[in-house]
Amino acid sequence: MDIKETIDKTRLPQHVAIIMDGNGRWAKERGKLRVFGHKNGVAAVRDTVEGAVEIGVKYLTLYAFSTENWNRPKLEVSALMELLINTISKETKTLMDNGVKLRAIGNLGQLPTKANDRLHEAMRKTAENDNCTLTLALSYSARWEITEAARQLAQEVQTGRINPNDIDEGRFAQHLATRGMPDPELMIRTSGEQRISNYLLWQLAYAELYFTEKMWPEFRRNDLFEAIVTYQSRERRFGLTSEQLAK
């Protein structure tokens, strides 16, 4: 049976987050430069996004470039930024064809001007699409995001707009980059690594974690479907007992 046919469409995760890992190692195994892996990872993004739309996942967030990635060799970073610019330009039509809205989170001011301009242009063009929201985490760090939220709340307290006692989880979440989106119920990481790597630390509090040995350039929609089938096989208790859930 086709794995897609085993998915229960009534129990889909609304939001799937993915750490796209293994591009560089995949390229090195083939005697190529790391950027070769990043380029081949674009096909994985395209197929995964189309797969998410196909089954009805409403939010897909991809860890595309971390704050820590700026510390990689300058040649690789430059190549990644150029790839980002070219990919956004080429893939905007695919996003439009699939009704996908593009968003981005992170310290976007650190991106090169050309990359930032192309990114915001694509976000404007896709703003009315509503089949799925694709969010790229770019120059992103969860600790940076949480620190920013704390700073914004501190300013609101300092200016008298809110009382410290008004701060709760809901108000804090409204200051995160993902405000307006549900928290991910499923987080996928490729390449066999089993870490969160400073990704959506607040939002992943109750997410199911799924790790696959497959490198990101090899990942396709059927791998997404397999992760969702595994997710649906798990009991999500949120601190309750199985007996409480049964009631």
C-alpha atoms as a PDB file:
ATOM      1  CA  MET A   1       0.000   0.000   0.000  1.00  0.00           C
ATOM      2  CA  ASP A   2       1.165   3.533  -0.805  1.00  0.00           C
ATOM      3  CA  ILE A   3       2.338   5.078   2.469  1.00  0.00           C
ATOM      4  CA  LYS A   4       0.279   8.188   1.762  1.00  0.00           C
ATOM      5  CA  GLU A   5      -2.852   6.038   1.896  1.00  0.00           C
ATOM      6  CA  THR A   6      -2.060   5.038   5.497  1.00  0.00           C
ATOM      7  CA  ILE A   7      -2.144   8.648   6.746  1.00  0.00           C
ATOM      8  CA  ASP A   8      -5.197   9.583   8.809  1.00  0.00           C
ATOM      9  CA  LYS A   9      -6.119  12.976   7.347  1.00  0.00           C
ATOM     10  CA  THR A  10      -8.190  13.766  10.453  1.00  0.00           C
ATOM     11  CA  ARG A  11      -5.096  13.612  12.695  1.00  0.00           C
ATOM     12  CA  LEU A  12      -2.538  15.509  10.665  1.00  0.00           C
ATOM     13  CA  PRO A  13      -0.047  17.691  12.499  1.00  0.00           C
ATOM     14  CA  GLN A  14      -0.987  21.260  11.655  1.00  0.00           C
ATOM     15  CA  HIS A  15       2.630  22.350  11.830  1.00  0.00           C
ATOM     16  CA  VAL A  16       5.725  20.364  10.879  1.00  0.00           C
ATOM     17  CA  ALA A  17       9.204  21.750  11.574  1.00  0.00           C
ATOM     18  CA  ILE A  18      12.279  20.315   9.845  1.00  0.00           C
ATOM     19  CA  ILE A  19      16.013  20.595  10.482  1.00  0.00           C
ATOM     20  CA  MET A  20      17.469  20.043   7.013  1.00  0.00           C
ATOM     21  CA  ASP A  21      20.755  18.393   7.936  1.00  0.00           C
ATOM     22  CA  GLY A  22      23.400  16.484   5.992  1.00  0.00           C
ATOM     23  CA  ASN A  23      23.925  18.502   2.799  1.00  0.00           C
ATOM     24  CA  GLY A  24      27.663  18.880   3.336  1.00  0.00           C
ATOM     25  CA  ARG A  25      28.280  15.279   4.363  1.00  0.00           C
ATOM     26  CA  TRP A  26      26.197  14.014   1.430  1.00  0.00           C
ATOM     27  CA  ALA A  27      28.381  16.042  -0.957  1.00  0.00           C
ATOM     28  CA  LYS A  28      31.667  14.938   0.674  1.00  0.00           C
ATOM     29  CA  GLU A  29      30.654  11.294   0.333  1.00  0.00           C
ATOM     30  CA  ARG A  30      30.475  11.951  -3.405  1.00  0.00           C
ATOM     31  CA  GLY A  31      33.790  13.773  -3.577  1.00  0.00           C
ATOM     32  CA  LYS A  32      32.096  17.138  -4.119  1.00  0.00           C
ATOM     33  CA  LEU A  33      32.233  20.526  -2.410  1.00  0.00           C
ATOM     34  CA  ARG A  34      29.712  21.145   0.345  1.00  0.00           C
ATOM     35  CA  VAL A  35      27.793  23.634  -1.787  1.00  0.00           C
ATOM     36  CA  PHE A  36      26.977  20.763  -4.171  1.00  0.00           C
ATOM     37  CA  GLY A  37      24.958  19.245  -1.334  1.00  0.00           C
ATOM     38  CA  HIS A  38      23.181  22.521  -0.628  1.00  0.00           C
ATOM     39  CA  LYS A  39      22.209  22.840  -4.294  1.00  0.00           C
ATOM     40  CA  ASN A  40      20.811  19.305  -4.336  1.00  0.00           C
ATOM     41  CA  GLY A  41      18.918  20.062  -1.150  1.00  0.00           C
ATOM     42  CA  VAL A  42      16.716  22.496  -3.096  1.00  0.00           C
ATOM     43  CA  ALA A  43      14.956  19.572  -4.820  1.00  0.00           C
ATOM     44  CA  ALA A  44      14.242  18.078  -1.399  1.00  0.00           C
ATOM     45  CA  VAL A  45      12.667  21.344  -0.263  1.00  0.00           C
ATOM     46  CA  ARG A  46      10.481  21.542  -3.370  1.00  0.00           C
ATOM     47  CA  ASP A  47       9.234  17.956  -3.092  1.00  0.00           C
ATOM     48  CA  THR A  48       8.656  18.195   0.654  1.00  0.00           C
ATOM     49  CA  VAL A  49       6.655  21.421   0.303  1.00  0.00           C
ATOM     50  CA  GLU A  50       4.539  19.914  -2.473  1.00  0.00           C
ATOM     51  CA  GLY A  51       4.025  16.796  -0.359  1.00  0.00           C
ATOM     52  CA  ALA A  52       2.876  18.897   2.598  1.00  0.00           C
ATOM     53  CA  VAL A  53       0.345  20.686   0.382  1.00  0.00           C
ATOM     54  CA  GLU A  54      -0.772  17.384  -1.135  1.00  0.00           C
ATOM     55  CA  ILE A  55      -1.876  15.915   2.200  1.00  0.00           C
ATOM     56  CA  GLY A  56      -3.038  19.128   3.863  1.00  0.00           C
ATOM     57  CA  VAL A  57      -0.277  20.183   6.296  1.00  0.00           C
ATOM     58  CA  LYS A  58      -0.972  23.870   6.915  1.00  0.00           C
ATOM     59  CA  TYR A  59       2.388  25.025   8.309  1.00  0.00           C
ATOM     60  CA  LEU A  60       5.887  23.890   7.368  1.00  0.00           C
ATOM     61  CA  THR A  61       8.943  25.532   8.932  1.00  0.00           C
ATOM     62  CA  LEU A  62      12.429  24.774   7.630  1.00  0.00           C
ATOM     63  CA  TYR A  63      15.695  25.520   9.428  1.00  0.00           C
ATOM     64  CA  ALA A  64      17.575  26.951   6.465  1.00  0.00           C
ATOM     65  CA  PHE A  65      20.432  28.935   8.039  1.00  0.00           C
ATOM     66  CA  SER A  66      21.286  29.331  11.710  1.00  0.00           C
ATOM     67  CA  THR A  67      22.996  32.219  13.431  1.00  0.00           C
ATOM     68  CA  GLU A  68      25.897  29.841  14.069  1.00  0.00           C
ATOM     69  CA  ASN A  69      26.195  29.123  10.344  1.00  0.00           C
ATOM     70  CA  TRP A  70      27.699  32.580   9.844  1.00  0.00           C
ATOM     71  CA  ASN A  71      30.854  31.102  11.394  1.00  0.00           C
ATOM     72  CA  ARG A  72      31.331  28.656   8.523  1.00  0.00           C
ATOM     73  CA  PRO A  73      34.048  29.309   5.896  1.00  0.00           C
ATOM     74  CA  LYS A  74      33.346  32.568   4.041  1.00  0.00           C
ATOM     75  CA  LEU A  75      33.292  30.833   0.662  1.00  0.00           C
ATOM     76  CA  GLU A  76      30.539  28.460   1.807  1.00  0.00           C
ATOM     77  CA  VAL A  77      28.496  31.262   3.369  1.00  0.00           C
ATOM     78  CA  SER A  78      28.764  33.351   0.187  1.00  0.00           C
ATOM     79  CA  ALA A  79      27.697  30.372  -1.905  1.00  0.00           C
ATOM     80  CA  LEU A  80      24.747  29.716   0.413  1.00  0.00           C
ATOM     81  CA  MET A  81      23.574  33.318   0.171  1.00  0.00           C
ATOM     82  CA  GLU A  82      23.844  33.237  -3.628  1.00  0.00           C
ATOM     83  CA  LEU A  83      21.931  29.951  -3.647  1.00  0.00           C
ATOM     84  CA  LEU A  84      19.252  31.514  -1.443  1.00  0.00           C
ATOM     85  CA  ILE A  85      18.825  34.412  -3.867  1.00  0.00           C
ATOM     86  CA  ASN A  86      18.606  32.166  -6.926  1.00  0.00           C
ATOM     87  CA  THR A  87      16.321  29.623  -5.277  1.00  0.00           C
ATOM     88  CA  ILE A  88      13.814  32.209  -4.089  1.00  0.00           C
ATOM     89  CA  SER A  89      13.675  33.691  -7.579  1.00  0.00           C
ATOM     90  CA  LYS A  90      13.207  30.322  -9.271  1.00  0.00           C
ATOM     91  CA  GLU A  91      10.811  28.776  -6.760  1.00  0.00           C
ATOM     92  CA  THR A  92       8.342  31.646  -6.333  1.00  0.00           C
ATOM     93  CA  LYS A  93       6.301  30.298  -9.258  1.00  0.00           C
ATOM     94  CA  THR A  94       6.200  26.854  -7.590  1.00  0.00           C
ATOM     95  CA  LEU A  95       4.919  28.484  -4.402  1.00  0.00           C
ATOM     96  CA  MET A  96       2.230  30.334  -6.357  1.00  0.00           C
ATOM     97  CA  ASP A  97       1.206  27.195  -8.260  1.00  0.00           C
ATOM     98  CA  ASN A  98       0.772  25.332  -4.965  1.00  0.00           C
ATOM     99  CA  GLY A  99      -0.904  28.146  -3.052  1.00  0.00           C
ATOM    100  CA  VAL A 100       1.953  28.429  -0.551  1.00  0.00           C
ATOM    101  CA  LYS A 101       2.560  31.569   1.491  1.00  0.00           C
ATOM    102  CA  LEU A 102       6.237  32.288   2.198  1.00  0.00           C
ATOM    103  CA  ARG A 103       7.364  33.667   5.550  1.00  0.00           C
ATOM    104  CA  ALA A 104      10.758  34.057   7.201  1.00  0.00           C
ATOM    105  CA  ILE A 105      11.897  34.242  10.804  1.00  0.00           C
ATOM    106  CA  GLY A 106      15.255  35.171  12.254  1.00  0.00           C
ATOM    107  CA  ASN A 107      17.598  38.132  12.371  1.00  0.00           C
ATOM    108  CA  LEU A 108      16.918  38.958   8.722  1.00  0.00           C
ATOM    109  CA  GLY A 109      18.863  42.203   8.928  1.00  0.00           C
ATOM    110  CA  GLN A 110      22.043  40.106   8.869  1.00  0.00           C
ATOM    111  CA  LEU A 111      21.251  38.801   5.381  1.00  0.00           C
ATOM    112  CA  PRO A 112      22.878  40.460   2.354  1.00  0.00           C
ATOM    113  CA  THR A 113      20.696  43.240   0.936  1.00  0.00           C
ATOM    114  CA  LYS A 114      20.003  41.375  -2.310  1.00  0.00           C
ATOM    115  CA  ALA A 115      18.903  38.236  -0.473  1.00  0.00           C
ATOM    116  CA  ASN A 116      16.692  40.261   1.847  1.00  0.00           C
ATOM    117  CA  ASP A 117      15.101  42.099  -1.075  1.00  0.00           C
ATOM    118  CA  ARG A 118      14.346  38.887  -2.999  1.00  0.00           C
ATOM    119  CA  LEU A 119      12.968  37.280   0.131  1.00  0.00           C
ATOM    120  CA  HIS A 120      10.574  40.130   0.897  1.00  0.00           C
ATOM    121  CA  GLU A 121       9.531  40.352  -2.737  1.00  0.00           C
ATOM    122  CA  ALA A 122       8.583  36.653  -2.705  1.00  0.00           C
ATOM    123  CA  MET A 123       6.735  37.094   0.599  1.00  0.00           C
ATOM    124  CA  ARG A 124       4.711  39.956  -0.880  1.00  0.00           C
ATOM    125  CA  LYS A 125       3.844  37.948  -3.996  1.00  0.00           C
ATOM    126  CA  THR A 126       2.687  34.916  -2.003  1.00  0.00           C
ATOM    127  CA  ALA A 127       0.991  36.795   0.845  1.00  0.00           C
ATOM    128  CA  GLU A 128      -2.561  35.878  -0.210  1.00  0.00           C
ATOM    129  CA  ASN A 129      -1.891  32.141  -0.643  1.00  0.00           C
ATOM    130  CA  ASP A 130      -3.578  29.962   1.970  1.00  0.00           C
ATOM    131  CA  ASN A 131      -2.973  26.274   1.209  1.00  0.00           C
ATOM    132  CA  CYS A 132       0.154  26.147   3.361  1.00  0.00           C
ATOM    133  CA  THR A 133       2.518  28.578   5.085  1.00  0.00           C
ATOM    134  CA  LEU A 134       6.179  27.842   4.418  1.00  0.00           C
ATOM    135  CA  THR A 135       8.454  29.565   6.933  1.00  0.00           C
ATOM    136  CA  LEU A 136      12.201  29.742   6.398  1.00  0.00           C
ATOM    137  CA  ALA A 137      14.301  30.126   9.544  1.00  0.00           C
ATOM    138  CA  LEU A 138      17.174  32.294   8.289  1.00  0.00           C
ATOM    139  CA  SER A 139      19.957  33.693  10.438  1.00  0.00           C
ATOM    140  CA  TYR A 140      17.849  32.152  13.169  1.00  0.00           C
ATOM    141  CA  SER A 141      18.651  31.208  16.761  1.00  0.00           C
ATOM    142  CA  ALA A 142      16.030  30.198  19.306  1.00  0.00           C
ATOM    143  CA  ARG A 143      18.038  31.799  22.108  1.00  0.00           C
ATOM    144  CA  TRP A 144      18.161  35.033  20.090  1.00  0.00           C
ATOM    145  CA  GLU A 145      14.400  34.811  19.547  1.00  0.00           C
ATOM    146  CA  ILE A 146      13.654  34.247  23.248  1.00  0.00           C
ATOM    147  CA  THR A 147      16.033  37.025  24.263  1.00  0.00           C
ATOM    148  CA  GLU A 148      14.317  39.396  21.820  1.00  0.00           C
ATOM    149  CA  ALA A 149      10.919  38.506  23.270  1.00  0.00           C
ATOM    150  CA  ALA A 150      12.178  39.147  26.804  1.00  0.00           C
ATOM    151  CA  ARG A 151      13.672  42.485  25.742  1.00  0.00           C
ATOM    152  CA  GLN A 152      10.403  43.593  24.121  1.00  0.00           C
ATOM    153  CA  LEU A 153       8.396  42.664  27.211  1.00  0.00           C
ATOM    154  CA  ALA A 154      10.890  44.491  29.439  1.00  0.00           C
ATOM    155  CA  GLN A 155      10.413  47.623  27.339  1.00  0.00           C
ATOM    156  CA  GLU A 156       6.634  47.342  27.658  1.00  0.00           C
ATOM    157  CA  VAL A 157       6.971  47.077  31.438  1.00  0.00           C
ATOM    158  CA  GLN A 158       9.420  49.994  31.550  1.00  0.00           C
ATOM    159  CA  THR A 159       7.075  52.245  29.574  1.00  0.00           C
ATOM    160  CA  GLY A 160       4.103  51.253  31.707  1.00  0.00           C
ATOM    161  CA  ARG A 161       2.199  49.536  28.908  1.00  0.00           C
ATOM    162  CA  ILE A 162       1.930  46.320  30.932  1.00  0.00           C
ATOM    163  CA  ASN A 163       2.408  45.159  34.505  1.00  0.00           C
ATOM    164  CA  PRO A 164       4.952  42.380  35.161  1.00  0.00           C
ATOM    165  CA  ASN A 165       2.087  40.289  36.531  1.00  0.00           C
ATOM    166  CA  ASP A 166       0.432  40.459  33.101  1.00  0.00           C
ATOM    167  CA  ILE A 167       3.210  38.364  31.560  1.00  0.00           C
ATOM    168  CA  ASP A 168       2.146  34.790  31.001  1.00  0.00           C
ATOM    169  CA  GLU A 169       2.945  32.124  28.398  1.00  0.00           C
ATOM    170  CA  GLY A 170       0.387  33.517  25.960  1.00  0.00           C
ATOM    171  CA  ARG A 171       1.713  37.062  26.104  1.00  0.00           C
ATOM    172  CA  PHE A 172       5.298  35.832  25.839  1.00  0.00           C
ATOM    173  CA  ALA A 173       4.434  33.757  22.754  1.00  0.00           C
ATOM    174  CA  GLN A 174       2.993  36.865  21.097  1.00  0.00           C
ATOM    175  CA  HIS A 175       6.514  38.302  21.064  1.00  0.00           C
ATOM    176  CA  LEU A 176       8.095  35.292  19.367  1.00  0.00           C
ATOM    177  CA  ALA A 177       8.836  35.244  15.642  1.00  0.00           C
ATOM    178  CA  THR A 178       6.235  32.508  15.147  1.00  0.00           C
ATOM    179  CA  ARG A 179       3.332  34.479  16.609  1.00  0.00           C
ATOM    180  CA  GLY A 180       0.110  33.698  14.804  1.00  0.00           C
ATOM    181  CA  MET A 181       1.177  30.133  14.039  1.00  0.00           C
ATOM    182  CA  PRO A 182       0.428  26.994  16.055  1.00  0.00           C
ATOM    183  CA  ASP A 183       3.407  25.339  17.710  1.00  0.00           C
ATOM    184  CA  PRO A 184       4.879  22.430  15.722  1.00  0.00           C
ATOM    185  CA  GLU A 185       3.449  19.059  16.680  1.00  0.00           C
ATOM    186  CA  LEU A 186       6.171  17.220  14.752  1.00  0.00           C
ATOM    187  CA  MET A 187       9.866  18.037  14.330  1.00  0.00           C
ATOM    188  CA  ILE A 188      11.916  16.081  11.783  1.00  0.00           C
ATOM    189  CA  ARG A 189      15.714  16.044  11.603  1.00  0.00           C
ATOM    190  CA  THR A 190      17.622  14.340   8.819  1.00  0.00           C
ATOM    191  CA  SER A 191      21.154  12.843   8.650  1.00  0.00           C
ATOM    192  CA  GLY A 192      21.001  10.779  11.849  1.00  0.00           C
ATOM    193  CA  GLU A 193      21.866  13.607  14.237  1.00  0.00           C
ATOM    194  CA  GLN A 194      19.622  13.725  17.298  1.00  0.00           C
ATOM    195  CA  ARG A 195      19.790  17.298  18.530  1.00  0.00           C
ATOM    196  CA  ILE A 196      17.483  20.317  18.420  1.00  0.00           C
ATOM    197  CA  SER A 197      20.407  22.660  17.686  1.00  0.00           C
ATOM    198  CA  ASN A 198      18.948  25.911  19.004  1.00  0.00           C
ATOM    199  CA  TYR A 199      15.802  25.544  16.899  1.00  0.00           C
ATOM    200  CA  LEU A 200      12.357  26.676  18.090  1.00  0.00           C
ATOM    201  CA  LEU A 201      13.203  25.858  21.713  1.00  0.00           C
ATOM    202  CA  TRP A 202      10.005  27.401  23.106  1.00  0.00           C
ATOM    203  CA  GLN A 203       7.723  26.102  20.353  1.00  0.00           C
ATOM    204  CA  LEU A 204       8.972  22.491  20.416  1.00  0.00           C
ATOM    205  CA  ALA A 205       8.082  21.984  24.092  1.00  0.00           C
ATOM    206  CA  TYR A 206       5.510  19.285  23.277  1.00  0.00           C
ATOM    207  CA  ALA A 207       6.491  18.328  19.737  1.00  0.00           C
ATOM    208  CA  GLU A 208       7.079  14.730  18.725  1.00  0.00           C
ATOM    209  CA  LEU A 209      10.678  14.321  17.540  1.00  0.00           C
ATOM    210  CA  TYR A 210      11.475  12.171  14.502  1.00  0.00           C
ATOM    211  CA  PHE A 211      15.033  11.402  13.413  1.00  0.00           C
ATOM    212  CA  THR A 212      16.014   9.760  10.137  1.00  0.00           C
ATOM    213  CA  GLU A 213      19.398   8.589   8.859  1.00  0.00           C
ATOM    214  CA  LYS A 214      18.556   9.919   5.399  1.00  0.00           C
ATOM    215  CA  MET A 215      20.589  12.941   4.328  1.00  0.00           C
ATOM    216  CA  TRP A 216      18.579  16.030   3.390  1.00  0.00           C
ATOM    217  CA  PRO A 217      19.339  15.935  -0.393  1.00  0.00           C
ATOM    218  CA  GLU A 218      17.764  12.450  -0.448  1.00  0.00           C
ATOM    219  CA  PHE A 219      14.635  13.420   1.515  1.00  0.00           C
ATOM    220  CA  ARG A 220      11.364  13.359  -0.428  1.00  0.00           C
ATOM    221  CA  ARG A 221       7.637  13.619   0.210  1.00  0.00           C
ATOM    222  CA  ASN A 222       7.345   9.903   1.010  1.00  0.00           C
ATOM    223  CA  ASP A 223       9.845  10.445   3.827  1.00  0.00           C
ATOM    224  CA  LEU A 224       7.604  13.233   5.132  1.00  0.00           C
ATOM    225  CA  PHE A 225       4.615  10.882   4.889  1.00  0.00           C
ATOM    226  CA  GLU A 226       6.527   8.183   6.790  1.00  0.00           C
ATOM    227  CA  ALA A 227       7.346  10.650   9.572  1.00  0.00           C
ATOM    228  CA  ILE A 228       3.678  11.630   9.823  1.00  0.00           C
ATOM    229  CA  VAL A 229       2.568   7.991   9.993  1.00  0.00           C
ATOM    230  CA  THR A 230       5.041   7.478  12.851  1.00  0.00           C
ATOM    231  CA  TYR A 231       3.732  10.627  14.550  1.00  0.00           C
ATOM    232  CA  GLN A 232       0.187   9.302  14.317  1.00  0.00           C
ATOM    233  CA  SER A 233       1.236   6.034  15.959  1.00  0.00           C
ATOM    234  CA  ARG A 234       2.393   7.804  19.116  1.00  0.00           C
ATOM    235  CA  GLU A 235       0.308   8.605  22.167  1.00  0.00           C
ATOM    236  CA  ARG A 236       0.543  12.304  22.982  1.00  0.00           C
ATOM    237  CA  ARG A 237      -0.254  12.658  26.694  1.00  0.00           C
ATOM    238  CA  PHE A 238       0.778  16.260  27.547  1.00  0.00           C
ATOM    239  CA  GLY A 239       1.485  15.220  31.148  1.00  0.00           C
ATOM    240  CA  LEU A 240      -1.678  13.138  31.539  1.00  0.00           C
ATOM    241  CA  THR A 241      -1.923   9.380  31.891  1.00  0.00           C
ATOM    242  CA  SER A 242      -3.120   7.001  29.191  1.00  0.00           C
ATOM    243  CA  GLU A 243      -6.204   6.309  31.309  1.00  0.00           C
ATOM    244  CA  GLN A 244      -7.075  10.001  31.479  1.00  0.00           C
ATOM    245  CA  LEU A 245      -6.786  10.313  27.723  1.00  0.00           C
ATOM    246  CA  ALA A 246      -9.039   7.297  27.225  1.00  0.00           C
ATOM    247  CA  LYS A 247     -11.782   9.061  29.156  1.00  0.00           C
END
